[in-house]
Amino acid sequence: MRTTLAAGAAGLVFGIGLTISQMIDPAKVIGFLDVAGNWDPTLVLVMAGALCVTVPGFVWARRRGKTLPGDAIEWPSRTDIDRPLVLGATLFGLGWGISGFCPGPAISALATGVWQVAVFGVAMIAGMVLYRMTPRF
């Protein structure tokens, strides 16, 4: 129960941060990604702020070796860069650049009631289902 509450609180804080930073606005994100055109660099400050919190948090978590509720931390063991990783990152980047949404901000933006967000959410879920149905080689 404590783990669920901690995850819920973290998700709520994350969603509020995405909303305040305007990362749920596709125009803001696309303006940031448009480095060859009318570039909007304000999201650099959002990312820098996130790193200021995340890096010390990861250092502390590595030293502590467990979560705040006391569960073991499962760190990723793979460090290789393979074809599926590159293809997945490319698809993610293309989708983000085209739509202006990635999963976290899209979930937060559902509260706005904008129909395009719901379309993105359905497409995202369809992609997840399709991935699960695709055989691995």
N, C-alpha and C. Protein backbone atom coordinates (compact mmCIF):
# COMPACT_ATOMS: atom_id res chain seq x y z
N MET A 1 0.82 -1.20 0.00
CA MET A 1 0.00 0.00 0.00
C MET A 1 0.86 1.27 0.00
N ARG A 2 1.94 1.24 0.80
CA ARG A 2 2.84 2.40 0.85
C ARG A 2 3.49 2.65 -0.50
N THR A 3 3.84 1.56 -1.19
CA THR A 3 4.45 1.70 -2.51
C THR A 3 3.48 2.33 -3.49
N THR A 4 2.23 1.90 -3.45
CA THR A 4 1.20 2.45 -4.34
C THR A 4 0.98 3.93 -4.05
N LEU A 5 0.93 4.29 -2.78
CA LEU A 5 0.75 5.71 -2.42
C LEU A 5 1.96 6.55 -2.85
N ALA A 6 3.16 6.00 -2.67
CA ALA A 6 4.37 6.72 -3.08
C ALA A 6 4.37 6.91 -4.59
N ALA A 7 4.00 5.86 -5.34
CA ALA A 7 3.96 5.97 -6.80
C ALA A 7 2.89 6.97 -7.23
N GLY A 8 1.75 6.95 -6.59
CA GLY A 8 0.68 7.90 -6.91
C GLY A 8 1.09 9.33 -6.64
N ALA A 9 1.75 9.56 -5.51
CA ALA A 9 2.21 10.90 -5.16
C ALA A 9 3.27 11.38 -6.16
N ALA A 10 4.19 10.50 -6.52
CA ALA A 10 5.22 10.86 -7.49
C ALA A 10 4.59 11.18 -8.84
N GLY A 11 3.62 10.39 -9.26
CA GLY A 11 2.93 10.64 -10.53
C GLY A 11 2.18 11.96 -10.52
N LEU A 12 1.55 12.27 -9.40
CA LEU A 12 0.82 13.53 -9.28
C LEU A 12 1.78 14.72 -9.37
N VAL A 13 2.88 14.65 -8.65
CA VAL A 13 3.87 15.74 -8.69
C VAL A 13 4.44 15.88 -10.11
N PHE A 14 4.70 14.73 -10.76
CA PHE A 14 5.23 14.75 -12.13
C PHE A 14 4.22 15.40 -13.08
N GLY A 15 2.96 15.02 -12.97
CA GLY A 15 1.91 15.59 -13.82
C GLY A 15 1.75 17.09 -13.61
N ILE A 16 1.80 17.52 -12.35
CA ILE A 16 1.71 18.95 -12.06
C ILE A 16 2.90 19.70 -12.67
N GLY A 17 4.09 19.11 -12.55
CA GLY A 17 5.28 19.72 -13.15
C GLY A 17 5.18 19.82 -14.66
N LEU A 18 4.66 18.78 -15.30
CA LEU A 18 4.48 18.82 -16.76
C LEU A 18 3.50 19.92 -17.15
N THR A 19 2.46 20.07 -16.35
CA THR A 19 1.45 21.09 -16.66
C THR A 19 2.02 22.50 -16.46
N ILE A 20 2.69 22.73 -15.34
CA ILE A 20 3.27 24.05 -15.07
C ILE A 20 4.31 24.43 -16.12
N SER A 21 5.11 23.45 -16.55
CA SER A 21 6.17 23.73 -17.53
C SER A 21 5.64 23.82 -18.96
N GLN A 22 4.34 23.59 -19.13
CA GLN A 22 3.66 23.64 -20.42
C GLN A 22 4.09 22.52 -21.38
N MET A 23 4.66 21.45 -20.84
CA MET A 23 5.04 20.32 -21.70
C MET A 23 3.83 19.55 -22.20
N ILE A 24 2.64 19.86 -21.67
CA ILE A 24 1.43 19.21 -22.19
C ILE A 24 0.86 19.97 -23.39
N ASP A 25 1.50 21.07 -23.77
CA ASP A 25 1.08 21.86 -24.93
C ASP A 25 1.94 21.46 -26.13
N PRO A 26 1.36 20.75 -27.11
CA PRO A 26 2.15 20.30 -28.26
C PRO A 26 2.86 21.44 -28.99
N ALA A 27 2.24 22.62 -29.06
CA ALA A 27 2.86 23.75 -29.75
C ALA A 27 4.16 24.15 -29.04
N LYS A 28 4.16 24.09 -27.72
CA LYS A 28 5.36 24.43 -26.94
C LYS A 28 6.48 23.43 -27.22
N VAL A 29 6.12 22.15 -27.24
CA VAL A 29 7.12 21.10 -27.47
C VAL A 29 7.64 21.17 -28.90
N ILE A 30 6.75 21.32 -29.87
CA ILE A 30 7.19 21.39 -31.27
C ILE A 30 8.05 22.64 -31.49
N GLY A 31 7.72 23.74 -30.82
CA GLY A 31 8.56 24.94 -30.89
C GLY A 31 9.96 24.68 -30.34
N PHE A 32 10.06 23.86 -29.32
CA PHE A 32 11.37 23.50 -28.77
C PHE A 32 12.14 22.60 -29.73
N LEU A 33 11.44 21.68 -30.38
CA LEU A 33 12.09 20.75 -31.30
C LEU A 33 12.45 21.38 -32.64
N ASP A 34 11.88 22.54 -32.95
CA ASP A 34 12.11 23.21 -34.23
C ASP A 34 13.38 24.06 -34.16
N VAL A 35 14.54 23.41 -34.07
CA VAL A 35 15.80 24.13 -33.92
C VAL A 35 16.22 24.87 -35.19
N ALA A 36 15.69 24.45 -36.34
CA ALA A 36 16.05 25.11 -37.60
C ALA A 36 15.10 26.25 -37.95
N GLY A 37 14.03 26.41 -37.19
CA GLY A 37 13.04 27.44 -37.50
C GLY A 37 12.89 28.42 -36.36
N ASN A 38 11.67 28.57 -35.88
CA ASN A 38 11.35 29.49 -34.79
C ASN A 38 11.52 28.76 -33.45
N TRP A 39 12.77 28.56 -33.05
CA TRP A 39 13.10 27.74 -31.88
C TRP A 39 12.69 28.43 -30.58
N ASP A 40 12.04 27.66 -29.70
CA ASP A 40 11.64 28.14 -28.37
C ASP A 40 12.49 27.40 -27.34
N PRO A 41 13.53 28.03 -26.79
CA PRO A 41 14.46 27.33 -25.91
C PRO A 41 14.00 27.19 -24.45
N THR A 42 12.78 27.60 -24.13
CA THR A 42 12.38 27.63 -22.72
C THR A 42 12.33 26.25 -22.07
N LEU A 43 12.11 25.19 -22.86
CA LEU A 43 12.08 23.86 -22.26
C LEU A 43 13.47 23.38 -21.83
N VAL A 44 14.52 24.06 -22.29
CA VAL A 44 15.87 23.74 -21.81
C VAL A 44 15.91 23.98 -20.29
N LEU A 45 15.27 25.03 -19.83
CA LEU A 45 15.23 25.32 -18.39
C LEU A 45 14.48 24.23 -17.63
N VAL A 46 13.40 23.71 -18.24
CA VAL A 46 12.65 22.62 -17.62
C VAL A 46 13.54 21.39 -17.49
N MET A 47 14.25 21.06 -18.56
CA MET A 47 15.13 19.89 -18.53
C MET A 47 16.29 20.09 -17.56
N ALA A 48 16.85 21.28 -17.51
CA ALA A 48 17.93 21.55 -16.57
C ALA A 48 17.43 21.42 -15.13
N GLY A 49 16.24 21.95 -14.87
CA GLY A 49 15.66 21.81 -13.53
C GLY A 49 15.42 20.35 -13.17
N ALA A 50 14.97 19.56 -14.15
CA ALA A 50 14.75 18.14 -13.90
C ALA A 50 16.06 17.44 -13.57
N LEU A 51 17.12 17.78 -14.29
CA LEU A 51 18.43 17.17 -14.01
C LEU A 51 18.95 17.57 -12.63
N CYS A 52 18.68 18.81 -12.22
CA CYS A 52 19.12 19.26 -10.90
C CYS A 52 18.49 18.45 -9.77
N VAL A 53 17.31 17.92 -10.01
CA VAL A 53 16.63 17.08 -9.02
C VAL A 53 16.99 15.61 -9.21
N THR A 54 17.04 15.17 -10.47
CA THR A 54 17.21 13.75 -10.76
C THR A 54 18.61 13.24 -10.44
N VAL A 55 19.64 13.96 -10.85
CA VAL A 55 21.00 13.46 -10.66
C VAL A 55 21.31 13.24 -9.17
N PRO A 56 21.08 14.22 -8.31
CA PRO A 56 21.33 13.95 -6.89
C PRO A 56 20.42 12.83 -6.35
N GLY A 57 19.19 12.76 -6.88
CA GLY A 57 18.28 11.70 -6.44
C GLY A 57 18.80 10.32 -6.78
N PHE A 58 19.34 10.15 -7.97
CA PHE A 58 19.90 8.86 -8.37
C PHE A 58 21.15 8.53 -7.56
N VAL A 59 21.99 9.53 -7.32
CA VAL A 59 23.18 9.29 -6.49
C VAL A 59 22.76 8.82 -5.11
N TRP A 60 21.79 9.48 -4.52
CA TRP A 60 21.29 9.12 -3.19
C TRP A 60 20.67 7.72 -3.19
N ALA A 61 19.88 7.42 -4.23
CA ALA A 61 19.23 6.11 -4.32
C ALA A 61 20.26 5.00 -4.48
N ARG A 62 21.31 5.23 -5.26
CA ARG A 62 22.36 4.21 -5.42
C ARG A 62 23.04 3.94 -4.07
N ARG A 63 23.31 4.99 -3.33
CA ARG A 63 23.96 4.81 -2.02
C ARG A 63 23.03 4.10 -1.04
N ARG A 64 21.75 4.46 -1.08
CA ARG A 64 20.78 3.90 -0.13
C ARG A 64 20.47 2.44 -0.46
N GLY A 65 20.35 2.14 -1.76
CA GLY A 65 20.14 0.76 -2.19
C GLY A 65 18.71 0.26 -2.09
N LYS A 66 17.78 1.09 -1.65
CA LYS A 66 16.38 0.68 -1.57
C LYS A 66 15.49 1.90 -1.72
N THR A 67 14.22 1.65 -2.01
CA THR A 67 13.26 2.73 -2.18
C THR A 67 12.88 3.30 -0.82
N LEU A 68 12.19 4.44 -0.81
CA LEU A 68 11.74 5.02 0.45
C LEU A 68 10.84 4.06 1.24
N PRO A 69 9.91 3.32 0.56
CA PRO A 69 9.12 2.35 1.33
C PRO A 69 9.92 1.12 1.76
N GLY A 70 11.18 1.00 1.30
CA GLY A 70 12.03 -0.09 1.74
C GLY A 70 12.20 -1.25 0.77
N ASP A 71 11.63 -1.15 -0.44
CA ASP A 71 11.77 -2.20 -1.44
C ASP A 71 13.15 -2.11 -2.11
N ALA A 72 13.61 -3.24 -2.63
CA ALA A 72 14.87 -3.26 -3.37
C ALA A 72 14.71 -2.48 -4.67
N ILE A 73 15.77 -1.80 -5.08
CA ILE A 73 15.76 -1.08 -6.35
C ILE A 73 16.30 -2.01 -7.42
N GLU A 74 15.55 -2.13 -8.51
CA GLU A 74 15.98 -2.98 -9.62
C GLU A 74 16.57 -2.09 -10.70
N TRP A 75 17.90 -2.00 -10.73
CA TRP A 75 18.59 -1.17 -11.71
C TRP A 75 18.70 -1.93 -13.03
N PRO A 76 18.64 -1.24 -14.15
CA PRO A 76 18.81 -1.92 -15.44
C PRO A 76 20.19 -2.58 -15.53
N SER A 77 20.22 -3.76 -16.12
CA SER A 77 21.49 -4.47 -16.23
C SER A 77 22.08 -4.37 -17.64
N ARG A 78 21.26 -4.06 -18.63
CA ARG A 78 21.75 -3.97 -20.01
C ARG A 78 22.25 -2.56 -20.30
N THR A 79 23.38 -2.50 -20.99
CA THR A 79 23.94 -1.20 -21.37
C THR A 79 24.25 -1.14 -22.87
N ASP A 80 23.94 -2.23 -23.60
CA ASP A 80 24.25 -2.26 -25.02
C ASP A 80 23.24 -1.44 -25.82
N ILE A 81 23.70 -0.94 -26.95
CA ILE A 81 22.83 -0.21 -27.87
C ILE A 81 22.63 -1.12 -29.07
N ASP A 82 21.42 -1.64 -29.21
CA ASP A 82 21.14 -2.58 -30.29
C ASP A 82 20.10 -2.02 -31.25
N ARG A 83 19.80 -2.77 -32.29
CA ARG A 83 18.87 -2.32 -33.32
C ARG A 83 17.48 -2.01 -32.76
N PRO A 84 16.88 -2.89 -31.94
CA PRO A 84 15.55 -2.55 -31.40
C PRO A 84 15.54 -1.26 -30.58
N LEU A 85 16.60 -1.00 -29.85
CA LEU A 85 16.67 0.24 -29.07
C LEU A 85 16.71 1.46 -29.99
N VAL A 86 17.54 1.40 -31.01
CA VAL A 86 17.66 2.53 -31.95
C VAL A 86 16.35 2.73 -32.71
N LEU A 87 15.73 1.64 -33.18
CA LEU A 87 14.46 1.76 -33.89
C LEU A 87 13.36 2.31 -32.98
N GLY A 88 13.31 1.81 -31.75
CA GLY A 88 12.30 2.30 -30.81
C GLY A 88 12.49 3.77 -30.49
N ALA A 89 13.74 4.17 -30.27
CA ALA A 89 14.02 5.58 -29.98
C ALA A 89 13.67 6.46 -31.17
N THR A 90 13.94 5.96 -32.37
CA THR A 90 13.62 6.71 -33.58
C THR A 90 12.11 6.88 -33.73
N LEU A 91 11.37 5.79 -33.54
CA LEU A 91 9.90 5.88 -33.62
C LEU A 91 9.35 6.82 -32.55
N PHE A 92 9.88 6.72 -31.34
CA PHE A 92 9.45 7.60 -30.26
C PHE A 92 9.69 9.06 -30.63
N GLY A 93 10.88 9.35 -31.12
CA GLY A 93 11.23 10.73 -31.49
C GLY A 93 10.38 11.25 -32.63
N LEU A 94 10.14 10.40 -33.63
CA LEU A 94 9.28 10.82 -34.74
C LEU A 94 7.87 11.11 -34.26
N GLY A 95 7.33 10.22 -33.44
CA GLY A 95 5.99 10.43 -32.91
C GLY A 95 5.89 11.68 -32.07
N TRP A 96 6.91 11.93 -31.26
CA TRP A 96 6.93 13.12 -30.41
C TRP A 96 7.02 14.38 -31.27
N GLY A 97 7.89 14.33 -32.29
CA GLY A 97 8.05 15.50 -33.16
C GLY A 97 6.82 15.79 -33.98
N ILE A 98 6.12 14.74 -34.43
CA ILE A 98 4.93 14.94 -35.25
C ILE A 98 3.74 15.41 -34.41
N SER A 99 3.55 14.76 -33.26
CA SER A 99 2.35 15.05 -32.46
C SER A 99 2.57 16.10 -31.38
N GLY A 100 3.81 16.24 -30.93
CA GLY A 100 4.09 17.15 -29.81
C GLY A 100 3.81 16.51 -28.46
N PHE A 101 3.47 15.21 -28.46
CA PHE A 101 3.18 14.50 -27.20
C PHE A 101 4.13 13.33 -27.01
N CYS A 102 4.49 13.09 -25.79
CA CYS A 102 5.07 11.81 -25.40
C CYS A 102 4.17 11.29 -24.27
N PRO A 103 4.32 10.04 -23.85
CA PRO A 103 3.32 9.45 -22.95
C PRO A 103 3.02 10.24 -21.67
N GLY A 104 4.02 10.68 -20.95
CA GLY A 104 3.76 11.39 -19.68
C GLY A 104 2.92 12.63 -19.85
N PRO A 105 3.36 13.57 -20.70
CA PRO A 105 2.55 14.76 -20.92
C PRO A 105 1.17 14.46 -21.51
N ALA A 106 1.08 13.43 -22.34
CA ALA A 106 -0.23 13.09 -22.92
C ALA A 106 -1.20 12.65 -21.84
N ILE A 107 -0.73 11.85 -20.89
CA ILE A 107 -1.60 11.40 -19.80
C ILE A 107 -2.05 12.61 -18.97
N SER A 108 -1.12 13.52 -18.70
CA SER A 108 -1.47 14.73 -17.95
C SER A 108 -2.45 15.59 -18.74
N ALA A 109 -2.27 15.66 -20.06
CA ALA A 109 -3.10 16.51 -20.90
C ALA A 109 -4.51 15.94 -21.09
N LEU A 110 -4.74 14.68 -20.74
CA LEU A 110 -6.09 14.13 -20.84
C LEU A 110 -7.09 14.95 -20.03
N ALA A 111 -6.62 15.56 -18.96
CA ALA A 111 -7.49 16.36 -18.11
C ALA A 111 -8.00 17.62 -18.81
N THR A 112 -7.35 18.00 -19.92
CA THR A 112 -7.79 19.20 -20.63
C THR A 112 -9.05 18.95 -21.45
N GLY A 113 -9.33 17.68 -21.75
CA GLY A 113 -10.51 17.33 -22.54
C GLY A 113 -10.38 17.58 -24.03
N VAL A 114 -9.18 17.87 -24.50
CA VAL A 114 -8.95 18.11 -25.92
C VAL A 114 -8.97 16.77 -26.65
N TRP A 115 -9.78 16.68 -27.72
CA TRP A 115 -9.98 15.39 -28.39
C TRP A 115 -8.70 14.85 -29.02
N GLN A 116 -7.78 15.72 -29.44
CA GLN A 116 -6.54 15.25 -30.06
C GLN A 116 -5.69 14.46 -29.07
N VAL A 117 -5.79 14.82 -27.81
CA VAL A 117 -5.05 14.09 -26.78
C VAL A 117 -5.59 12.67 -26.67
N ALA A 118 -6.91 12.53 -26.71
CA ALA A 118 -7.53 11.21 -26.65
C ALA A 118 -7.13 10.37 -27.86
N VAL A 119 -7.06 10.99 -29.04
CA VAL A 119 -6.63 10.27 -30.25
C VAL A 119 -5.20 9.78 -30.07
N PHE A 120 -4.32 10.64 -29.54
CA PHE A 120 -2.95 10.23 -29.28
C PHE A 120 -2.92 9.06 -28.30
N GLY A 121 -3.72 9.16 -27.23
CA GLY A 121 -3.76 8.09 -26.23
C GLY A 121 -4.19 6.76 -26.84
N VAL A 122 -5.20 6.78 -27.68
CA VAL A 122 -5.65 5.55 -28.35
C VAL A 122 -4.54 5.00 -29.24
N ALA A 123 -3.88 5.89 -30.01
CA ALA A 123 -2.79 5.45 -30.88
C ALA A 123 -1.63 4.89 -30.06
N MET A 124 -1.35 5.49 -28.92
CA MET A 124 -0.28 5.01 -28.06
C MET A 124 -0.60 3.62 -27.53
N ILE A 125 -1.81 3.42 -27.07
CA ILE A 125 -2.22 2.11 -26.57
C ILE A 125 -2.20 1.07 -27.70
N ALA A 126 -2.65 1.46 -28.89
CA ALA A 126 -2.62 0.55 -30.04
C ALA A 126 -1.18 0.15 -30.36
N GLY A 127 -0.27 1.09 -30.28
CA GLY A 127 1.15 0.78 -30.50
C GLY A 127 1.69 -0.18 -29.47
N MET A 128 1.29 -0.02 -28.21
CA MET A 128 1.73 -0.94 -27.15
C MET A 128 1.20 -2.34 -27.40
N VAL A 129 -0.06 -2.43 -27.79
CA VAL A 129 -0.67 -3.74 -28.08
C VAL A 129 0.03 -4.38 -29.27
N LEU A 130 0.26 -3.60 -30.33
CA LEU A 130 0.94 -4.11 -31.52
C LEU A 130 2.33 -4.61 -31.17
N TYR A 131 3.03 -3.88 -30.33
CA TYR A 131 4.37 -4.32 -29.89
C TYR A 131 4.30 -5.67 -29.19
N ARG A 132 3.33 -5.82 -28.29
CA ARG A 132 3.17 -7.09 -27.56
C ARG A 132 2.86 -8.25 -28.50
N MET A 133 2.19 -7.96 -29.61
CA MET A 133 1.78 -9.00 -30.54
C MET A 133 2.88 -9.33 -31.56
N THR A 134 3.93 -8.49 -31.65
CA THR A 134 4.98 -8.69 -32.63
C THR A 134 6.00 -9.72 -32.12
N PRO A 135 6.33 -10.73 -32.94
CA PRO A 135 7.32 -11.74 -32.50
C PRO A 135 8.71 -11.11 -32.36
N ARG A 136 9.46 -11.60 -31.41
CA ARG A 136 10.84 -11.13 -31.17
C ARG A 136 11.82 -12.04 -31.89
N PHE A 137 12.85 -11.43 -32.47
CA PHE A 137 13.87 -12.21 -33.19
C PHE A 137 15.17 -12.19 -32.45
